[in-house]
Amino acid sequence: MTRTPNSATTGLEMQLMPFIYFYGRAEEALAFYKSVLGGDYTIVQRNVANDDPRLDPSFVGKISYATLTAPGISFAASDGGGPKHIDPDEGNIILSLRVPEDAQRVFAALGDGGHVIVPFGDVPWGGKFGHLRDRFQTDWFVLS
């Protein structure tokens, strides 16, 4: 199969990763999925009291960002910033898209007709990040 590069895929490849919020149960969920699916998980960052003024004090030390990788499976996970009942109509999954090149353009295009939640810009952990809900009500994290 021959791939023809286009403006969205030139250079390094984009990577799509589901991002699942567990609202206080991320560590339990990661251990469960590891036991069922195999592989391993890595806790990259935990919530720190001064990271975000919206952080519920009971969520300090909870998982801010983790990944699980098993054969053929990869996803990111977080406890979020506070307790929340998961409404089946709203869900708890965000698509996390790593874009090595031209991330600002991809973020703007995905957001056309949608709603920007966190503007695309520099983040404390390095690189750039933005969060939006597109015109189809799909939430996206765009990272570079």
N, C-alpha and C. Protein backbone atom coordinates (compact mmCIF):
# COMPACT_ATOMS: atom_id res chain seq x y z
N MET A 1 0.84 -1.17 0.00
CA MET A 1 0.00 0.00 0.00
C MET A 1 0.88 1.24 0.00
N THR A 2 0.66 2.14 -0.90
CA THR A 2 1.43 3.36 -1.00
C THR A 2 0.68 4.49 -0.31
N ARG A 3 1.39 5.21 0.56
CA ARG A 3 0.78 6.36 1.23
C ARG A 3 1.20 7.62 0.52
N THR A 4 0.25 8.47 0.26
CA THR A 4 0.54 9.77 -0.32
C THR A 4 0.44 10.80 0.79
N PRO A 5 1.56 11.51 1.09
CA PRO A 5 1.49 12.49 2.17
C PRO A 5 0.52 13.61 1.81
N ASN A 6 -0.14 14.13 2.82
CA ASN A 6 -0.95 15.34 2.63
C ASN A 6 -0.60 16.31 3.75
N SER A 7 -1.23 17.46 3.78
CA SER A 7 -0.87 18.48 4.76
C SER A 7 -1.10 18.02 6.19
N ALA A 8 -1.97 17.05 6.41
CA ALA A 8 -2.25 16.59 7.77
C ALA A 8 -1.30 15.49 8.23
N THR A 9 -0.55 14.86 7.31
CA THR A 9 0.28 13.72 7.72
C THR A 9 1.73 13.83 7.27
N THR A 10 2.20 14.98 6.85
CA THR A 10 3.58 15.09 6.44
C THR A 10 4.48 15.01 7.66
N GLY A 11 5.68 14.50 7.49
CA GLY A 11 6.62 14.40 8.60
C GLY A 11 6.22 13.28 9.55
N LEU A 12 6.33 13.54 10.81
CA LEU A 12 6.00 12.54 11.83
C LEU A 12 4.51 12.28 11.85
N GLU A 13 4.13 11.08 12.24
CA GLU A 13 2.72 10.68 12.25
C GLU A 13 2.01 11.18 13.50
N MET A 14 0.74 11.48 13.33
CA MET A 14 -0.09 11.82 14.47
C MET A 14 -0.40 10.54 15.23
N GLN A 15 -0.75 10.69 16.50
CA GLN A 15 -1.08 9.53 17.32
C GLN A 15 -2.36 9.83 18.09
N LEU A 16 -3.38 8.96 17.95
CA LEU A 16 -4.65 9.11 18.64
C LEU A 16 -4.68 8.18 19.84
N MET A 17 -5.06 8.73 21.01
CA MET A 17 -5.13 7.93 22.22
C MET A 17 -6.40 8.30 22.99
N PRO A 18 -7.27 7.32 23.27
CA PRO A 18 -8.42 7.62 24.13
C PRO A 18 -7.93 8.09 25.50
N PHE A 19 -8.64 9.05 26.09
CA PHE A 19 -8.32 9.60 27.40
C PHE A 19 -9.56 9.41 28.26
N ILE A 20 -9.46 8.57 29.29
CA ILE A 20 -10.62 8.19 30.08
C ILE A 20 -10.52 8.79 31.49
N TYR A 21 -11.58 9.49 31.90
CA TYR A 21 -11.68 10.01 33.26
C TYR A 21 -12.38 8.98 34.14
N PHE A 22 -11.80 8.70 35.31
CA PHE A 22 -12.38 7.74 36.25
C PHE A 22 -12.86 8.40 37.54
N TYR A 23 -12.69 9.71 37.68
CA TYR A 23 -13.25 10.49 38.79
C TYR A 23 -13.04 9.84 40.15
N GLY A 24 -11.77 9.62 40.49
CA GLY A 24 -11.44 9.10 41.80
C GLY A 24 -11.13 7.62 41.83
N ARG A 25 -11.31 6.92 40.73
CA ARG A 25 -11.10 5.46 40.70
C ARG A 25 -10.06 5.05 39.66
N ALA A 26 -9.20 5.98 39.21
CA ALA A 26 -8.26 5.67 38.13
C ALA A 26 -7.28 4.56 38.52
N GLU A 27 -6.72 4.63 39.72
CA GLU A 27 -5.74 3.62 40.10
C GLU A 27 -6.40 2.24 40.16
N GLU A 28 -7.60 2.17 40.69
CA GLU A 28 -8.36 0.93 40.74
C GLU A 28 -8.66 0.42 39.33
N ALA A 29 -9.08 1.33 38.45
CA ALA A 29 -9.41 0.95 37.07
C ALA A 29 -8.17 0.46 36.32
N LEU A 30 -7.04 1.17 36.48
CA LEU A 30 -5.82 0.76 35.80
C LEU A 30 -5.37 -0.63 36.25
N ALA A 31 -5.43 -0.89 37.55
CA ALA A 31 -5.05 -2.21 38.05
C ALA A 31 -5.99 -3.28 37.50
N PHE A 32 -7.28 -2.97 37.42
CA PHE A 32 -8.24 -3.92 36.88
C PHE A 32 -7.95 -4.21 35.41
N TYR A 33 -7.78 -3.16 34.60
CA TYR A 33 -7.53 -3.37 33.17
C TYR A 33 -6.21 -4.11 32.94
N LYS A 34 -5.20 -3.81 33.74
CA LYS A 34 -3.93 -4.54 33.63
C LYS A 34 -4.15 -6.03 33.91
N SER A 35 -4.96 -6.35 34.93
CA SER A 35 -5.19 -7.76 35.26
C SER A 35 -5.97 -8.48 34.16
N VAL A 36 -6.82 -7.76 33.45
CA VAL A 36 -7.64 -8.37 32.41
C VAL A 36 -6.91 -8.39 31.07
N LEU A 37 -6.26 -7.28 30.72
CA LEU A 37 -5.69 -7.11 29.38
C LEU A 37 -4.20 -7.41 29.30
N GLY A 38 -3.53 -7.47 30.46
CA GLY A 38 -2.09 -7.63 30.46
C GLY A 38 -1.42 -6.28 30.32
N GLY A 39 -0.17 -6.28 29.94
CA GLY A 39 0.55 -5.03 29.77
C GLY A 39 0.89 -4.40 31.11
N ASP A 40 1.01 -3.09 31.10
CA ASP A 40 1.38 -2.37 32.32
C ASP A 40 0.88 -0.95 32.23
N TYR A 41 0.84 -0.28 33.37
CA TYR A 41 0.46 1.12 33.38
C TYR A 41 1.54 1.93 34.07
N THR A 42 1.58 3.21 33.71
CA THR A 42 2.54 4.15 34.27
C THR A 42 1.79 5.37 34.75
N ILE A 43 2.00 5.73 36.01
CA ILE A 43 1.43 6.97 36.54
C ILE A 43 2.47 8.05 36.28
N VAL A 44 2.13 8.98 35.39
CA VAL A 44 3.06 10.01 34.96
C VAL A 44 3.02 11.20 35.92
N GLN A 45 1.83 11.58 36.35
CA GLN A 45 1.70 12.77 37.19
C GLN A 45 0.49 12.63 38.11
N ARG A 46 0.64 13.12 39.32
CA ARG A 46 -0.48 13.16 40.28
C ARG A 46 -0.89 14.61 40.49
N ASN A 47 -2.15 14.81 40.90
CA ASN A 47 -2.66 16.15 41.17
C ASN A 47 -1.89 16.80 42.32
N VAL A 48 -1.53 18.05 42.13
CA VAL A 48 -0.83 18.84 43.14
C VAL A 48 -1.74 20.00 43.51
N ALA A 49 -1.78 20.34 44.78
CA ALA A 49 -2.73 21.35 45.29
C ALA A 49 -2.70 22.66 44.52
N ASN A 50 -1.54 23.12 44.12
CA ASN A 50 -1.46 24.44 43.47
C ASN A 50 -1.50 24.38 41.95
N ASP A 51 -1.74 23.21 41.36
CA ASP A 51 -1.80 23.10 39.89
C ASP A 51 -3.00 23.83 39.29
N ASP A 52 -4.14 23.72 39.93
CA ASP A 52 -5.38 24.25 39.37
C ASP A 52 -6.30 24.66 40.51
N PRO A 53 -6.73 25.92 40.54
CA PRO A 53 -7.60 26.36 41.64
C PRO A 53 -8.95 25.63 41.67
N ARG A 54 -9.32 24.98 40.57
CA ARG A 54 -10.59 24.24 40.52
C ARG A 54 -10.46 22.84 41.12
N LEU A 55 -9.25 22.43 41.49
CA LEU A 55 -9.01 21.08 42.01
C LEU A 55 -9.69 20.91 43.37
N ASP A 56 -10.53 19.90 43.48
CA ASP A 56 -11.17 19.56 44.75
C ASP A 56 -10.07 19.10 45.71
N PRO A 57 -10.02 19.63 46.94
CA PRO A 57 -8.97 19.23 47.88
C PRO A 57 -8.87 17.72 48.10
N SER A 58 -9.99 17.01 47.99
CA SER A 58 -9.95 15.56 48.18
C SER A 58 -9.26 14.85 47.02
N PHE A 59 -8.97 15.55 45.93
CA PHE A 59 -8.33 14.93 44.77
C PHE A 59 -6.83 15.24 44.69
N VAL A 60 -6.27 15.94 45.68
CA VAL A 60 -4.83 16.13 45.73
C VAL A 60 -4.20 14.75 45.90
N GLY A 61 -3.20 14.45 45.09
CA GLY A 61 -2.53 13.14 45.13
C GLY A 61 -3.17 12.09 44.23
N LYS A 62 -4.37 12.36 43.72
CA LYS A 62 -5.01 11.44 42.78
C LYS A 62 -4.28 11.55 41.44
N ILE A 63 -4.56 10.63 40.53
CA ILE A 63 -3.88 10.58 39.24
C ILE A 63 -4.34 11.71 38.33
N SER A 64 -3.37 12.49 37.88
CA SER A 64 -3.62 13.54 36.90
C SER A 64 -3.46 12.98 35.49
N TYR A 65 -2.43 12.15 35.30
CA TYR A 65 -2.18 11.57 33.98
C TYR A 65 -1.46 10.24 34.14
N ALA A 66 -2.00 9.21 33.51
CA ALA A 66 -1.39 7.88 33.49
C ALA A 66 -1.66 7.26 32.13
N THR A 67 -0.89 6.24 31.80
CA THR A 67 -1.12 5.51 30.56
C THR A 67 -1.13 4.01 30.84
N LEU A 68 -1.93 3.30 30.08
CA LEU A 68 -1.93 1.84 30.11
C LEU A 68 -1.61 1.37 28.70
N THR A 69 -0.66 0.44 28.62
CA THR A 69 -0.30 -0.14 27.34
C THR A 69 -0.30 -1.65 27.48
N ALA A 70 -1.07 -2.29 26.62
CA ALA A 70 -1.15 -3.75 26.56
C ALA A 70 -1.06 -4.12 25.07
N PRO A 71 -0.89 -5.38 24.74
CA PRO A 71 -0.79 -5.75 23.33
C PRO A 71 -1.98 -5.21 22.51
N GLY A 72 -1.67 -4.31 21.59
CA GLY A 72 -2.68 -3.75 20.70
C GLY A 72 -3.58 -2.70 21.32
N ILE A 73 -3.31 -2.30 22.59
CA ILE A 73 -4.18 -1.37 23.30
C ILE A 73 -3.33 -0.31 23.98
N SER A 74 -3.80 0.92 23.93
CA SER A 74 -3.14 2.00 24.64
C SER A 74 -4.18 3.07 24.94
N PHE A 75 -4.20 3.53 26.19
CA PHE A 75 -5.07 4.65 26.52
C PHE A 75 -4.48 5.43 27.68
N ALA A 76 -4.93 6.69 27.83
CA ALA A 76 -4.53 7.54 28.93
C ALA A 76 -5.68 7.60 29.92
N ALA A 77 -5.34 7.88 31.19
CA ALA A 77 -6.36 7.89 32.24
C ALA A 77 -6.07 9.00 33.24
N SER A 78 -7.13 9.44 33.92
CA SER A 78 -7.01 10.48 34.94
C SER A 78 -8.16 10.34 35.92
N ASP A 79 -7.94 10.82 37.14
CA ASP A 79 -9.04 10.93 38.10
C ASP A 79 -9.81 12.22 37.88
N GLY A 80 -9.24 13.16 37.14
CA GLY A 80 -9.87 14.46 36.97
C GLY A 80 -9.59 15.35 38.17
N GLY A 81 -10.36 16.41 38.28
CA GLY A 81 -10.13 17.39 39.33
C GLY A 81 -11.09 17.33 40.48
N GLY A 82 -12.00 16.37 40.47
CA GLY A 82 -12.95 16.27 41.55
C GLY A 82 -13.95 15.17 41.28
N PRO A 83 -14.72 14.83 42.31
CA PRO A 83 -15.70 13.75 42.14
C PRO A 83 -16.78 14.13 41.14
N LYS A 84 -17.26 13.15 40.42
CA LYS A 84 -18.32 13.38 39.44
C LYS A 84 -19.02 12.05 39.18
N HIS A 85 -20.32 12.11 39.14
CA HIS A 85 -21.08 10.95 38.72
C HIS A 85 -20.96 10.88 37.21
N ILE A 86 -20.65 9.72 36.68
CA ILE A 86 -20.50 9.58 35.23
C ILE A 86 -21.88 9.41 34.62
N ASP A 87 -22.27 10.43 33.90
CA ASP A 87 -23.57 10.44 33.21
C ASP A 87 -23.39 9.70 31.88
N PRO A 88 -24.10 8.61 31.66
CA PRO A 88 -23.95 7.85 30.41
C PRO A 88 -24.21 8.70 29.17
N ASP A 89 -24.99 9.76 29.30
CA ASP A 89 -25.25 10.63 28.15
C ASP A 89 -24.08 11.57 27.87
N GLU A 90 -23.24 11.82 28.88
CA GLU A 90 -22.09 12.70 28.70
C GLU A 90 -20.80 11.93 28.52
N GLY A 91 -20.70 10.76 29.14
CA GLY A 91 -19.51 9.94 28.98
C GLY A 91 -18.33 10.43 29.80
N ASN A 92 -17.21 9.76 29.63
CA ASN A 92 -16.00 10.10 30.35
C ASN A 92 -14.75 9.89 29.50
N ILE A 93 -14.91 9.88 28.18
CA ILE A 93 -13.79 9.63 27.28
C ILE A 93 -13.52 10.86 26.42
N ILE A 94 -12.24 11.20 26.32
CA ILE A 94 -11.77 12.28 25.46
C ILE A 94 -10.75 11.67 24.51
N LEU A 95 -10.77 12.07 23.25
CA LEU A 95 -9.75 11.62 22.30
C LEU A 95 -8.56 12.55 22.42
N SER A 96 -7.40 11.97 22.70
CA SER A 96 -6.17 12.73 22.88
C SER A 96 -5.33 12.54 21.62
N LEU A 97 -5.07 13.63 20.91
CA LEU A 97 -4.38 13.56 19.62
C LEU A 97 -3.03 14.26 19.72
N ARG A 98 -1.96 13.48 19.59
CA ARG A 98 -0.61 14.06 19.58
C ARG A 98 -0.27 14.40 18.13
N VAL A 99 0.05 15.67 17.90
CA VAL A 99 0.33 16.16 16.55
C VAL A 99 1.73 16.76 16.55
N PRO A 100 2.72 16.03 16.01
CA PRO A 100 4.10 16.51 16.03
C PRO A 100 4.31 17.79 15.23
N GLU A 101 3.57 17.96 14.15
CA GLU A 101 3.74 19.15 13.29
C GLU A 101 2.39 19.78 13.01
N ASP A 102 2.34 21.11 13.01
CA ASP A 102 1.14 21.84 12.62
C ASP A 102 -0.04 21.64 13.57
N ALA A 103 0.25 21.47 14.86
CA ALA A 103 -0.80 21.19 15.85
C ALA A 103 -1.78 22.35 15.98
N GLN A 104 -1.30 23.58 15.88
CA GLN A 104 -2.18 24.74 15.99
C GLN A 104 -3.25 24.71 14.89
N ARG A 105 -2.86 24.35 13.67
CA ARG A 105 -3.81 24.27 12.56
C ARG A 105 -4.83 23.17 12.80
N VAL A 106 -4.37 22.00 13.28
CA VAL A 106 -5.27 20.88 13.55
C VAL A 106 -6.25 21.26 14.65
N PHE A 107 -5.76 21.92 15.71
CA PHE A 107 -6.63 22.35 16.80
C PHE A 107 -7.70 23.31 16.28
N ALA A 108 -7.28 24.29 15.49
CA ALA A 108 -8.24 25.27 14.95
C ALA A 108 -9.27 24.60 14.04
N ALA A 109 -8.82 23.67 13.21
CA ALA A 109 -9.74 22.99 12.29
C ALA A 109 -10.75 22.12 13.05
N LEU A 110 -10.28 21.38 14.06
CA LEU A 110 -11.20 20.57 14.86
C LEU A 110 -12.21 21.45 15.60
N GLY A 111 -11.77 22.63 16.01
CA GLY A 111 -12.63 23.52 16.78
C GLY A 111 -13.60 24.34 15.94
N ASP A 112 -13.45 24.33 14.62
CA ASP A 112 -14.33 25.10 13.75
C ASP A 112 -15.77 24.62 13.93
N GLY A 113 -16.63 25.49 14.41
CA GLY A 113 -18.02 25.12 14.64
C GLY A 113 -18.24 24.48 15.99
N GLY A 114 -17.18 24.37 16.77
CA GLY A 114 -17.27 23.77 18.10
C GLY A 114 -17.03 24.80 19.18
N HIS A 115 -16.48 24.33 20.31
CA HIS A 115 -16.27 25.19 21.47
C HIS A 115 -14.90 24.90 22.08
N VAL A 116 -14.06 25.93 22.20
CA VAL A 116 -12.75 25.77 22.83
C VAL A 116 -12.94 25.81 24.34
N ILE A 117 -12.43 24.80 25.03
CA ILE A 117 -12.52 24.72 26.49
C ILE A 117 -11.24 25.25 27.12
N VAL A 118 -10.07 24.82 26.60
CA VAL A 118 -8.77 25.34 27.02
C VAL A 118 -8.05 25.75 25.74
N PRO A 119 -7.74 27.04 25.57
CA PRO A 119 -7.05 27.48 24.35
C PRO A 119 -5.72 26.76 24.17
N PHE A 120 -5.35 26.54 22.92
CA PHE A 120 -4.10 25.88 22.60
C PHE A 120 -2.94 26.80 22.98
N GLY A 121 -2.02 26.29 23.80
CA GLY A 121 -0.88 27.10 24.21
C GLY A 121 0.10 26.30 25.04
N ASP A 122 1.12 27.00 25.51
CA ASP A 122 2.16 26.37 26.32
C ASP A 122 1.59 25.82 27.61
N VAL A 123 2.17 24.70 28.07
CA VAL A 123 1.73 24.07 29.31
C VAL A 123 2.95 23.82 30.21
N PRO A 124 2.72 23.74 31.53
CA PRO A 124 3.84 23.58 32.47
C PRO A 124 4.66 22.32 32.25
N TRP A 125 4.07 21.25 31.72
CA TRP A 125 4.81 20.00 31.56
C TRP A 125 5.59 19.96 30.24
N GLY A 126 5.56 21.04 29.48
CA GLY A 126 6.31 21.13 28.24
C GLY A 126 5.43 20.93 27.02
N GLY A 127 5.80 21.53 25.92
CA GLY A 127 5.00 21.43 24.71
C GLY A 127 3.79 22.33 24.75
N LYS A 128 2.83 22.00 23.93
CA LYS A 128 1.60 22.79 23.84
C LYS A 128 0.40 21.86 23.99
N PHE A 129 -0.73 22.42 24.42
CA PHE A 129 -1.92 21.64 24.72
C PHE A 129 -3.15 22.52 24.54
N GLY A 130 -4.23 21.91 24.09
CA GLY A 130 -5.53 22.58 24.04
C GLY A 130 -6.63 21.55 24.17
N HIS A 131 -7.79 21.98 24.65
CA HIS A 131 -8.95 21.09 24.82
C HIS A 131 -10.14 21.76 24.16
N LEU A 132 -10.85 21.00 23.33
CA LEU A 132 -12.02 21.54 22.65
C LEU A 132 -13.10 20.49 22.51
N ARG A 133 -14.30 20.94 22.26
CA ARG A 133 -15.42 20.06 21.93
C ARG A 133 -15.81 20.44 20.50
N ASP A 134 -15.73 19.48 19.59
CA ASP A 134 -16.00 19.79 18.19
C ASP A 134 -17.50 19.92 17.90
N ARG A 135 -17.83 20.21 16.68
CA ARG A 135 -19.23 20.43 16.29
C ARG A 135 -20.10 19.18 16.44
N PHE A 136 -19.46 18.02 16.64
CA PHE A 136 -20.19 16.77 16.82
C PHE A 136 -20.26 16.36 18.29
N GLN A 137 -19.85 17.28 19.18
CA GLN A 137 -19.85 17.06 20.63
C GLN A 137 -18.81 16.03 21.08
N THR A 138 -17.75 15.87 20.29
CA THR A 138 -16.63 15.01 20.67
C THR A 138 -15.55 15.88 21.30
N ASP A 139 -15.09 15.47 22.48
CA ASP A 139 -14.02 16.20 23.16
C ASP A 139 -12.66 15.73 22.66
N TRP A 140 -11.76 16.70 22.46
CA TRP A 140 -10.41 16.43 21.99
C TRP A 140 -9.39 17.14 22.86
N PHE A 141 -8.30 16.46 23.20
CA PHE A 141 -7.08 17.07 23.70
C PHE A 141 -6.14 17.06 22.50
N VAL A 142 -5.55 18.20 22.17
CA VAL A 142 -4.55 18.25 21.10
C VAL A 142 -3.24 18.64 21.77
N LEU A 143 -2.21 17.83 21.55
CA LEU A 143 -0.89 18.05 22.15
C LEU A 143 0.18 18.10 21.08
N SER A 144 1.21 18.86 21.35
CA SER A 144 2.38 18.84 20.46
C SER A 144 3.64 18.82 21.29
